[in-house]
Amino acid sequence: MTVRQPNNPLHGVTLEMMLRQMVERDGWEGLARDVPINCFRIDPSMTSALKYLRKAPRARQKVEEIYARFISRRRG
């Protein structure tokens, strides 16, 4: 049973979904500007970014914060 979380913009959104939307909107260059990590700057790919972000909680948190701001602007 899934509990609805209307105040949590990340509820039900996977890391891959977040990255795909952000890359579609800003490209890898935009992501690298916002979160300057090598998997966004040097030969970026979805696979390498997901692998790195799953192992690096601080980088993942930064990506999630940027995504949450993006979602709040879209709704507001």
Protein backbone atom coordinates (compact mmCIF):
# COMPACT_ATOMS: atom_id res chain seq x y z
CA MET A 1 0.00 0.00 0.00
CA THR A 2 1.38 3.37 -1.01
CA VAL A 3 0.85 6.43 1.14
CA ARG A 4 0.29 9.65 -0.79
CA GLN A 5 2.71 12.47 0.01
CA PRO A 6 1.33 15.64 -1.58
CA ASN A 7 4.00 17.90 -0.02
CA ASN A 8 6.92 15.79 -1.23
CA PRO A 9 7.81 16.69 -4.84
CA LEU A 10 10.16 13.69 -5.08
CA HIS A 11 7.58 11.08 -4.08
CA GLY A 12 7.30 8.47 -6.82
CA VAL A 13 10.07 10.00 -8.93
CA THR A 14 13.10 7.86 -9.62
CA LEU A 15 16.61 9.22 -9.96
CA GLU A 16 16.59 8.25 -13.63
CA MET A 17 13.34 10.15 -14.24
CA MET A 18 14.83 13.25 -12.58
CA LEU A 19 18.00 13.11 -14.65
CA ARG A 20 16.15 12.55 -17.92
CA GLN A 21 13.93 15.58 -17.33
CA MET A 22 16.85 17.75 -16.29
CA VAL A 23 19.00 16.70 -19.26
CA GLU A 24 16.07 17.32 -21.59
CA ARG A 25 15.61 20.79 -20.13
CA ASP A 26 19.21 22.00 -19.66
CA GLY A 27 21.42 19.38 -21.29
CA TRP A 28 24.51 17.87 -19.70
CA GLU A 29 26.21 21.27 -19.81
CA GLY A 30 23.50 22.79 -17.63
CA LEU A 31 23.73 19.94 -15.15
CA ALA A 32 27.51 20.28 -15.02
CA ARG A 33 27.12 24.00 -14.32
CA ASP A 34 24.70 23.35 -11.44
CA VAL A 35 26.46 20.26 -10.06
CA PRO A 36 30.11 20.29 -11.17
CA ILE A 37 30.94 16.59 -11.08
CA ASN A 38 32.91 14.70 -13.70
CA CYS A 39 30.11 12.35 -14.72
CA PHE A 40 28.22 15.44 -16.00
CA ARG A 41 31.27 17.22 -17.45
CA ILE A 42 33.47 14.58 -19.09
CA ASP A 43 31.83 12.25 -21.64
CA PRO A 44 28.46 12.23 -19.83
CA SER A 45 26.02 9.35 -20.11
CA MET A 46 22.91 8.36 -18.22
CA THR A 47 24.54 5.10 -17.10
CA SER A 48 27.65 6.72 -15.64
CA ALA A 49 25.65 9.49 -13.96
CA LEU A 50 23.22 7.05 -12.33
CA LYS A 51 26.03 4.79 -11.17
CA TYR A 52 27.93 7.68 -9.60
CA LEU A 53 24.90 9.36 -8.00
CA ARG A 54 23.78 6.10 -6.36
CA LYS A 55 27.17 5.91 -4.63
CA ALA A 56 27.59 9.62 -3.78
CA PRO A 57 24.86 10.81 -1.42
CA ARG A 58 25.97 14.47 -1.36
CA ALA A 59 25.90 14.75 -5.15
CA ARG A 60 22.56 12.97 -5.31
CA GLN A 61 21.12 15.32 -2.69
CA LYS A 62 22.25 18.33 -4.74
CA VAL A 63 20.58 16.91 -7.87
CA GLU A 64 17.39 16.25 -5.90
CA GLU A 65 17.37 19.82 -4.55
CA ILE A 66 17.76 21.28 -8.03
CA TYR A 67 15.00 19.00 -9.34
CA ALA A 68 12.66 19.99 -6.48
CA ARG A 69 13.19 23.69 -7.33
CA PHE A 70 12.50 22.93 -10.99
CA ILE A 71 9.24 21.16 -10.11
CA SER A 72 8.08 23.91 -7.76
CA ARG A 73 8.63 26.55 -10.49
CA ARG A 74 6.68 24.44 -12.97
CA ARG A 75 3.69 24.13 -10.66
CA GLY A 76 3.73 27.70 -9.40
